[in-house]
Amino acid sequence: MHASPAITAALLLAAAGAVATDGGDIESSWTFNVYLDDSQIGYHEYRLIEQQDGLRRIEANARFDVRFLFINAFRYRHEIEETWSGNCLTEVQARTDSNGKKTAVKGSLTESGFLLELGDDERRLGDCIMTFAYWNPEFLKADRLLNPQTGEFLDVDVQPVDTDRIVVDGKDFAAECYRVTARQVDVRVCYSADDNRWLALESPTKGGRTLRYELNT
């Protein structure tokens, strides 16, 4: 499952339909439809930029709206920009509005480690850290991951799930799936067995419901 960083990046770009810009960077994008059980509640969009200097930038935004009896019962907005050198995070800025609760997280790599800022709180993490970067299967190798929504640096456990095939956007795929767990995190993420493309994600929510991501293929 696990490819080298260069191979992983190439597969991601090929899967997302990469295009070259006038400046020589390579850009690609992909969108996940987001469901609560079987009802579509929003989307999560990603844009990956492979820069000429070898750095990678990922920009993403999510918008969820859960309605009940014509009332917007839950509203979620999330925007994030990350910069990566290989599989090491060098910079992050994230803004989240979860039903009115707003958080802002930012950080950057310094000579003494990754400096994370959450409001007035500052924390120093390791020299090479990763977020829950579902778009990059290499994150599955990490023992600890940064949650950019909360600023928590969490111990994680990753276990393969016995899955051969999944259906995404009405299409059947050979897939490899993994369960990723941490404090207040319980996610199953699936990748194409052919090219490592991120295909789907699901997580249980309060009330016994399931939040699902499906790649818009």
C-alpha atoms as a PDB file:
ATOM      1  CA  MET A   1       0.000   0.000   0.000  1.00  0.00           C
ATOM      2  CA  HIS A   2       2.645   2.512   1.014  1.00  0.00           C
ATOM      3  CA  ALA A   3       4.580   4.136  -1.818  1.00  0.00           C
ATOM      4  CA  SER A   4       7.521   6.515  -1.652  1.00  0.00           C
ATOM      5  CA  PRO A   5       6.673  10.241  -1.323  1.00  0.00           C
ATOM      6  CA  ALA A   6       7.547  10.901  -4.977  1.00  0.00           C
ATOM      7  CA  ILE A   7       5.441   7.996  -6.243  1.00  0.00           C
ATOM      8  CA  THR A   8       2.551   8.905  -3.949  1.00  0.00           C
ATOM      9  CA  ALA A   9       2.581  12.503  -5.181  1.00  0.00           C
ATOM     10  CA  ALA A  10       2.656  11.387  -8.808  1.00  0.00           C
ATOM     11  CA  LEU A  11      -0.297   9.060  -8.284  1.00  0.00           C
ATOM     12  CA  LEU A  12      -2.298  11.754  -6.512  1.00  0.00           C
ATOM     13  CA  LEU A  13      -1.657  14.215  -9.308  1.00  0.00           C
ATOM     14  CA  ALA A  14      -2.561  11.731 -12.007  1.00  0.00           C
ATOM     15  CA  ALA A  15      -5.756  10.764 -10.203  1.00  0.00           C
ATOM     16  CA  ALA A  16      -6.818  14.367  -9.742  1.00  0.00           C
ATOM     17  CA  GLY A  17      -6.235  15.469 -13.349  1.00  0.00           C
ATOM     18  CA  ALA A  18      -3.217  17.729 -12.827  1.00  0.00           C
ATOM     19  CA  VAL A  19      -2.545  20.722 -15.065  1.00  0.00           C
ATOM     20  CA  ALA A  20       0.569  22.891 -15.394  1.00  0.00           C
ATOM     21  CA  THR A  21       0.339  26.622 -14.674  1.00  0.00           C
ATOM     22  CA  ASP A  22       2.128  29.435 -16.515  1.00  0.00           C
ATOM     23  CA  GLY A  23       4.570  29.652 -13.612  1.00  0.00           C
ATOM     24  CA  GLY A  24       5.543  25.997 -13.928  1.00  0.00           C
ATOM     25  CA  ASP A  25       3.656  24.739 -10.872  1.00  0.00           C
ATOM     26  CA  ILE A  26       1.384  21.719 -11.248  1.00  0.00           C
ATOM     27  CA  GLU A  27      -2.138  22.066  -9.867  1.00  0.00           C
ATOM     28  CA  SER A  28      -4.801  19.454  -9.284  1.00  0.00           C
ATOM     29  CA  SER A  29      -8.126  19.395  -7.475  1.00  0.00           C
ATOM     30  CA  TRP A  30     -10.790  16.981  -6.368  1.00  0.00           C
ATOM     31  CA  THR A  31     -14.124  17.133  -4.557  1.00  0.00           C
ATOM     32  CA  PHE A  32     -15.843  14.845  -2.074  1.00  0.00           C
ATOM     33  CA  ASN A  33     -19.599  14.803  -1.678  1.00  0.00           C
ATOM     34  CA  VAL A  34     -20.425  14.591   2.032  1.00  0.00           C
ATOM     35  CA  TYR A  35     -23.392  12.636   3.396  1.00  0.00           C
ATOM     36  CA  LEU A  36     -25.008  12.118   6.776  1.00  0.00           C
ATOM     37  CA  ASP A  37     -26.304   8.601   6.375  1.00  0.00           C
ATOM     38  CA  ASP A  38     -27.900   8.821   2.906  1.00  0.00           C
ATOM     39  CA  SER A  39     -28.601  12.574   2.841  1.00  0.00           C
ATOM     40  CA  GLN A  40     -26.082  14.853   1.146  1.00  0.00           C
ATOM     41  CA  ILE A  41     -25.194  17.722   3.485  1.00  0.00           C
ATOM     42  CA  GLY A  42     -22.304  19.413   1.694  1.00  0.00           C
ATOM     43  CA  TYR A  43     -18.884  18.998   0.161  1.00  0.00           C
ATOM     44  CA  HIS A  44     -15.154  19.064   0.889  1.00  0.00           C
ATOM     45  CA  GLU A  45     -12.890  20.432  -1.851  1.00  0.00           C
ATOM     46  CA  TYR A  46      -9.114  20.022  -2.158  1.00  0.00           C
ATOM     47  CA  ARG A  47      -6.539  21.799  -4.322  1.00  0.00           C
ATOM     48  CA  LEU A  48      -2.979  20.493  -4.489  1.00  0.00           C
ATOM     49  CA  ILE A  49      -0.137  22.626  -5.873  1.00  0.00           C
ATOM     50  CA  GLU A  50       3.245  21.082  -6.654  1.00  0.00           C
ATOM     51  CA  GLN A  51       5.642  24.060  -6.620  1.00  0.00           C
ATOM     52  CA  GLN A  52       8.812  24.426  -8.643  1.00  0.00           C
ATOM     53  CA  ASP A  53      10.855  24.597  -5.415  1.00  0.00           C
ATOM     54  CA  GLY A  54       9.728  21.087  -4.469  1.00  0.00           C
ATOM     55  CA  LEU A  55       7.217  22.157  -1.822  1.00  0.00           C
ATOM     56  CA  ARG A  56       3.600  21.053  -1.915  1.00  0.00           C
ATOM     57  CA  ARG A  57       0.680  23.258  -0.909  1.00  0.00           C
ATOM     58  CA  ILE A  58      -2.740  21.883  -0.118  1.00  0.00           C
ATOM     59  CA  GLU A  59      -5.779  24.134   0.144  1.00  0.00           C
ATOM     60  CA  ALA A  60      -9.114  22.771   1.276  1.00  0.00           C
ATOM     61  CA  ASN A  61     -12.524  23.988   2.327  1.00  0.00           C
ATOM     62  CA  ALA A  62     -15.561  22.195   3.684  1.00  0.00           C
ATOM     63  CA  ARG A  63     -19.189  23.313   3.990  1.00  0.00           C
ATOM     64  CA  PHE A  64     -21.823  21.196   5.756  1.00  0.00           C
ATOM     65  CA  ASP A  65     -25.416  22.136   6.551  1.00  0.00           C
ATOM     66  CA  VAL A  66     -27.732  19.732   8.360  1.00  0.00           C
ATOM     67  CA  ARG A  67     -31.396  20.689   8.171  1.00  0.00           C
ATOM     68  CA  PHE A  68     -34.292  19.518  10.327  1.00  0.00           C
ATOM     69  CA  LEU A  69     -37.856  20.560   9.531  1.00  0.00           C
ATOM     70  CA  PHE A  70     -36.578  23.351   7.232  1.00  0.00           C
ATOM     71  CA  ILE A  71     -34.301  24.681  10.007  1.00  0.00           C
ATOM     72  CA  ASN A  72     -30.517  24.679   9.695  1.00  0.00           C
ATOM     73  CA  ALA A  73     -29.770  22.512  12.743  1.00  0.00           C
ATOM     74  CA  PHE A  74     -25.999  22.288  12.240  1.00  0.00           C
ATOM     75  CA  ARG A  75     -23.576  24.452  10.258  1.00  0.00           C
ATOM     76  CA  TYR A  76     -19.900  23.641   9.655  1.00  0.00           C
ATOM     77  CA  ARG A  77     -17.274  25.640   7.789  1.00  0.00           C
ATOM     78  CA  HIS A  78     -13.596  24.727   7.593  1.00  0.00           C
ATOM     79  CA  GLU A  79     -10.746  26.264   5.583  1.00  0.00           C
ATOM     80  CA  ILE A  80      -7.133  25.189   5.684  1.00  0.00           C
ATOM     81  CA  GLU A  81      -3.851  25.849   3.900  1.00  0.00           C
ATOM     82  CA  GLU A  82      -0.864  23.575   4.436  1.00  0.00           C
ATOM     83  CA  THR A  83       2.671  23.547   3.028  1.00  0.00           C
ATOM     84  CA  TRP A  84       4.694  20.326   2.928  1.00  0.00           C
ATOM     85  CA  SER A  85       8.303  19.417   2.258  1.00  0.00           C
ATOM     86  CA  GLY A  86       8.180  15.741   1.398  1.00  0.00           C
ATOM     87  CA  ASN A  87       5.999  14.226   4.107  1.00  0.00           C
ATOM     88  CA  CYS A  88       6.839  16.881   6.701  1.00  0.00           C
ATOM     89  CA  LEU A  89       4.458  19.744   7.435  1.00  0.00           C
ATOM     90  CA  THR A  90       6.204  23.128   7.247  1.00  0.00           C
ATOM     91  CA  GLU A  91       3.242  25.495   7.645  1.00  0.00           C
ATOM     92  CA  VAL A  92      -0.453  25.362   8.474  1.00  0.00           C
ATOM     93  CA  GLN A  93      -3.291  27.835   8.840  1.00  0.00           C
ATOM     94  CA  ALA A  94      -6.775  26.565   9.654  1.00  0.00           C
ATOM     95  CA  ARG A  95     -10.054  28.286  10.477  1.00  0.00           C
ATOM     96  CA  THR A  96     -13.127  26.416  11.653  1.00  0.00           C
ATOM     97  CA  ASP A  97     -16.687  27.415  12.507  1.00  0.00           C
ATOM     98  CA  SER A  98     -18.504  24.441  14.007  1.00  0.00           C
ATOM     99  CA  ASN A  99     -22.067  25.561  14.686  1.00  0.00           C
ATOM    100  CA  GLY A 100     -20.854  28.934  15.961  1.00  0.00           C
ATOM    101  CA  LYS A 101     -17.796  27.666  17.827  1.00  0.00           C
ATOM    102  CA  LYS A 102     -14.831  29.261  16.057  1.00  0.00           C
ATOM    103  CA  THR A 103     -11.212  28.130  16.254  1.00  0.00           C
ATOM    104  CA  ALA A 104      -8.042  29.276  14.490  1.00  0.00           C
ATOM    105  CA  VAL A 105      -4.853  27.230  14.368  1.00  0.00           C
ATOM    106  CA  LYS A 106      -1.583  28.197  12.743  1.00  0.00           C
ATOM    107  CA  GLY A 107       1.960  26.936  12.865  1.00  0.00           C
ATOM    108  CA  SER A 108       5.277  26.818  11.073  1.00  0.00           C
ATOM    109  CA  LEU A 109       8.487  24.845  11.146  1.00  0.00           C
ATOM    110  CA  THR A 110      11.348  26.574  12.986  1.00  0.00           C
ATOM    111  CA  GLU A 111      14.930  25.606  13.803  1.00  0.00           C
ATOM    112  CA  SER A 112      13.742  24.248  17.155  1.00  0.00           C
ATOM    113  CA  GLY A 113      10.775  22.277  15.816  1.00  0.00           C
ATOM    114  CA  PHE A 114       7.260  22.949  14.620  1.00  0.00           C
ATOM    115  CA  LEU A 115       5.769  25.934  16.489  1.00  0.00           C
ATOM    116  CA  LEU A 116       1.996  25.673  16.846  1.00  0.00           C
ATOM    117  CA  GLU A 117      -0.155  28.630  17.833  1.00  0.00           C
ATOM    118  CA  LEU A 118      -3.688  28.180  19.164  1.00  0.00           C
ATOM    119  CA  GLY A 119      -4.944  31.529  20.394  1.00  0.00           C
ATOM    120  CA  ASP A 120      -2.529  32.667  23.110  1.00  0.00           C
ATOM    121  CA  ASP A 121      -1.165  29.147  23.554  1.00  0.00           C
ATOM    122  CA  GLU A 122       2.099  28.115  21.873  1.00  0.00           C
ATOM    123  CA  ARG A 123       3.416  24.565  21.645  1.00  0.00           C
ATOM    124  CA  ARG A 124       6.563  23.109  20.105  1.00  0.00           C
ATOM    125  CA  LEU A 125       6.196  19.782  18.351  1.00  0.00           C
ATOM    126  CA  GLY A 126       8.711  17.619  16.485  1.00  0.00           C
ATOM    127  CA  ASP A 127      10.830  18.452  13.460  1.00  0.00           C
ATOM    128  CA  CYS A 128       8.700  16.348  11.091  1.00  0.00           C
ATOM    129  CA  ILE A 129       5.002  16.114  11.845  1.00  0.00           C
ATOM    130  CA  MET A 130       1.901  15.306   9.808  1.00  0.00           C
ATOM    131  CA  THR A 131      -1.757  16.224  10.005  1.00  0.00           C
ATOM    132  CA  PHE A 132      -4.670  13.882   9.302  1.00  0.00           C
ATOM    133  CA  ALA A 133      -3.707  14.227   5.626  1.00  0.00           C
ATOM    134  CA  TYR A 134      -6.158  11.709   4.190  1.00  0.00           C
ATOM    135  CA  TRP A 135      -5.193  12.830   0.668  1.00  0.00           C
ATOM    136  CA  ASN A 136      -1.685  11.415   1.263  1.00  0.00           C
ATOM    137  CA  PRO A 137      -1.664   7.705   2.261  1.00  0.00           C
ATOM    138  CA  GLU A 138       1.781   8.176   3.814  1.00  0.00           C
ATOM    139  CA  PHE A 139       0.056   9.676   6.861  1.00  0.00           C
ATOM    140  CA  LEU A 140      -0.995   6.124   7.789  1.00  0.00           C
ATOM    141  CA  LYS A 141       2.587   5.438   8.901  1.00  0.00           C
ATOM    142  CA  ALA A 142       2.591   8.143  11.599  1.00  0.00           C
ATOM    143  CA  ASP A 143       2.295   7.400  15.318  1.00  0.00           C
ATOM    144  CA  ARG A 144       1.077  10.928  16.135  1.00  0.00           C
ATOM    145  CA  LEU A 145      -0.923  13.377  14.041  1.00  0.00           C
ATOM    146  CA  LEU A 146      -1.897  17.014  14.371  1.00  0.00           C
ATOM    147  CA  ASN A 147      -5.608  17.777  14.325  1.00  0.00           C
ATOM    148  CA  PRO A 148      -5.615  21.209  12.617  1.00  0.00           C
ATOM    149  CA  GLN A 149      -9.166  21.907  13.724  1.00  0.00           C
ATOM    150  CA  THR A 150      -8.403  21.678  17.451  1.00  0.00           C
ATOM    151  CA  GLY A 151      -4.609  22.032  17.585  1.00  0.00           C
ATOM    152  CA  GLU A 152      -4.274  18.689  19.402  1.00  0.00           C
ATOM    153  CA  PHE A 153      -1.253  16.471  18.664  1.00  0.00           C
ATOM    154  CA  LEU A 154      -2.721  13.015  19.074  1.00  0.00           C
ATOM    155  CA  ASP A 155      -1.464   9.474  19.463  1.00  0.00           C
ATOM    156  CA  VAL A 156      -3.080   7.446  16.666  1.00  0.00           C
ATOM    157  CA  ASP A 157      -3.672   3.805  15.907  1.00  0.00           C
ATOM    158  CA  VAL A 158      -4.011   2.565  12.318  1.00  0.00           C
ATOM    159  CA  GLN A 159      -5.358  -0.872  11.477  1.00  0.00           C
ATOM    160  CA  PRO A 160      -6.191  -2.409   8.075  1.00  0.00           C
ATOM    161  CA  VAL A 161      -9.848  -3.203   7.467  1.00  0.00           C
ATOM    162  CA  ASP A 162     -10.797  -6.404   5.647  1.00  0.00           C
ATOM    163  CA  THR A 163     -12.340  -4.810   2.538  1.00  0.00           C
ATOM    164  CA  ASP A 164     -11.873  -5.929  -1.074  1.00  0.00           C
ATOM    165  CA  ARG A 165     -14.220  -3.642  -2.994  1.00  0.00           C
ATOM    166  CA  ILE A 166     -16.310  -0.536  -2.398  1.00  0.00           C
ATOM    167  CA  VAL A 167     -18.853   1.418  -4.446  1.00  0.00           C
ATOM    168  CA  VAL A 168     -18.187   5.147  -4.853  1.00  0.00           C
ATOM    169  CA  ASP A 169     -20.368   7.479  -6.914  1.00  0.00           C
ATOM    170  CA  GLY A 170     -22.077   4.413  -8.370  1.00  0.00           C
ATOM    171  CA  LYS A 171     -18.779   2.840  -9.499  1.00  0.00           C
ATOM    172  CA  ASP A 172     -17.131  -0.298  -8.172  1.00  0.00           C
ATOM    173  CA  PHE A 173     -13.492  -0.120  -7.044  1.00  0.00           C
ATOM    174  CA  ALA A 174     -10.934  -2.566  -5.705  1.00  0.00           C
ATOM    175  CA  ALA A 175      -9.986  -0.875  -2.458  1.00  0.00           C
ATOM    176  CA  GLU A 176      -7.773  -1.010   0.623  1.00  0.00           C
ATOM    177  CA  CYS A 177      -9.288   0.486   3.763  1.00  0.00           C
ATOM    178  CA  TYR A 178      -7.893   1.451   7.158  1.00  0.00           C
ATOM    179  CA  ARG A 179      -9.376   2.367  10.502  1.00  0.00           C
ATOM    180  CA  VAL A 180      -7.721   5.395  12.089  1.00  0.00           C
ATOM    181  CA  THR A 181      -8.483   6.023  15.766  1.00  0.00           C
ATOM    182  CA  ALA A 182      -7.370   8.650  18.259  1.00  0.00           C
ATOM    183  CA  ARG A 183      -9.015  10.607  21.047  1.00  0.00           C
ATOM    184  CA  GLN A 184     -12.433  11.640  19.687  1.00  0.00           C
ATOM    185  CA  VAL A 185     -11.412  10.355  16.228  1.00  0.00           C
ATOM    186  CA  ASP A 186     -12.750   7.163  14.643  1.00  0.00           C
ATOM    187  CA  VAL A 187     -12.444   7.107  10.866  1.00  0.00           C
ATOM    188  CA  ARG A 188     -12.409   4.494   8.126  1.00  0.00           C
ATOM    189  CA  VAL A 189     -10.550   5.729   5.049  1.00  0.00           C
ATOM    190  CA  CYS A 190     -10.342   3.854   1.732  1.00  0.00           C
ATOM    191  CA  TYR A 191      -7.940   4.058  -1.205  1.00  0.00           C
ATOM    192  CA  SER A 192      -7.956   2.570  -4.678  1.00  0.00           C
ATOM    193  CA  ALA A 193      -5.946  -0.660  -4.744  1.00  0.00           C
ATOM    194  CA  ASP A 194      -4.775   0.277  -8.251  1.00  0.00           C
ATOM    195  CA  ASP A 195      -3.351   3.789  -7.804  1.00  0.00           C
ATOM    196  CA  ASN A 196      -3.627   4.767  -4.090  1.00  0.00           C
ATOM    197  CA  ARG A 197      -6.316   7.342  -4.913  1.00  0.00           C
ATOM    198  CA  TRP A 198      -8.332   8.451  -1.879  1.00  0.00           C
ATOM    199  CA  LEU A 199     -11.873   7.241  -2.585  1.00  0.00           C
ATOM    200  CA  ALA A 200     -13.955   7.456   0.560  1.00  0.00           C
ATOM    201  CA  LEU A 201     -14.116   8.104   4.281  1.00  0.00           C
ATOM    202  CA  GLU A 202     -16.681   7.464   6.966  1.00  0.00           C
ATOM    203  CA  SER A 203     -17.003   8.206  10.660  1.00  0.00           C
ATOM    204  CA  PRO A 204     -19.702   7.555  13.272  1.00  0.00           C
ATOM    205  CA  THR A 205     -21.429  10.619  14.721  1.00  0.00           C
ATOM    206  CA  LYS A 206     -23.553  11.251  17.782  1.00  0.00           C
ATOM    207  CA  GLY A 207     -26.956   9.598  17.657  1.00  0.00           C
ATOM    208  CA  GLY A 208     -25.704   6.520  15.803  1.00  0.00           C
ATOM    209  CA  ARG A 209     -25.499   8.214  12.393  1.00  0.00           C
ATOM    210  CA  THR A 210     -22.618   8.032   9.906  1.00  0.00           C
ATOM    211  CA  LEU A 211     -20.761  10.864   8.181  1.00  0.00           C
ATOM    212  CA  ARG A 212     -19.538   9.748   4.744  1.00  0.00           C
ATOM    213  CA  TYR A 213     -17.208  11.199   2.110  1.00  0.00           C
ATOM    214  CA  GLU A 214     -17.452   9.919  -1.455  1.00  0.00           C
ATOM    215  CA  LEU A 215     -15.121  11.085  -4.210  1.00  0.00           C
ATOM    216  CA  ASN A 216     -16.964  12.834  -7.024  1.00  0.00           C
ATOM    217  CA  THR A 217     -15.526  10.714  -9.835  1.00  0.00           C
END
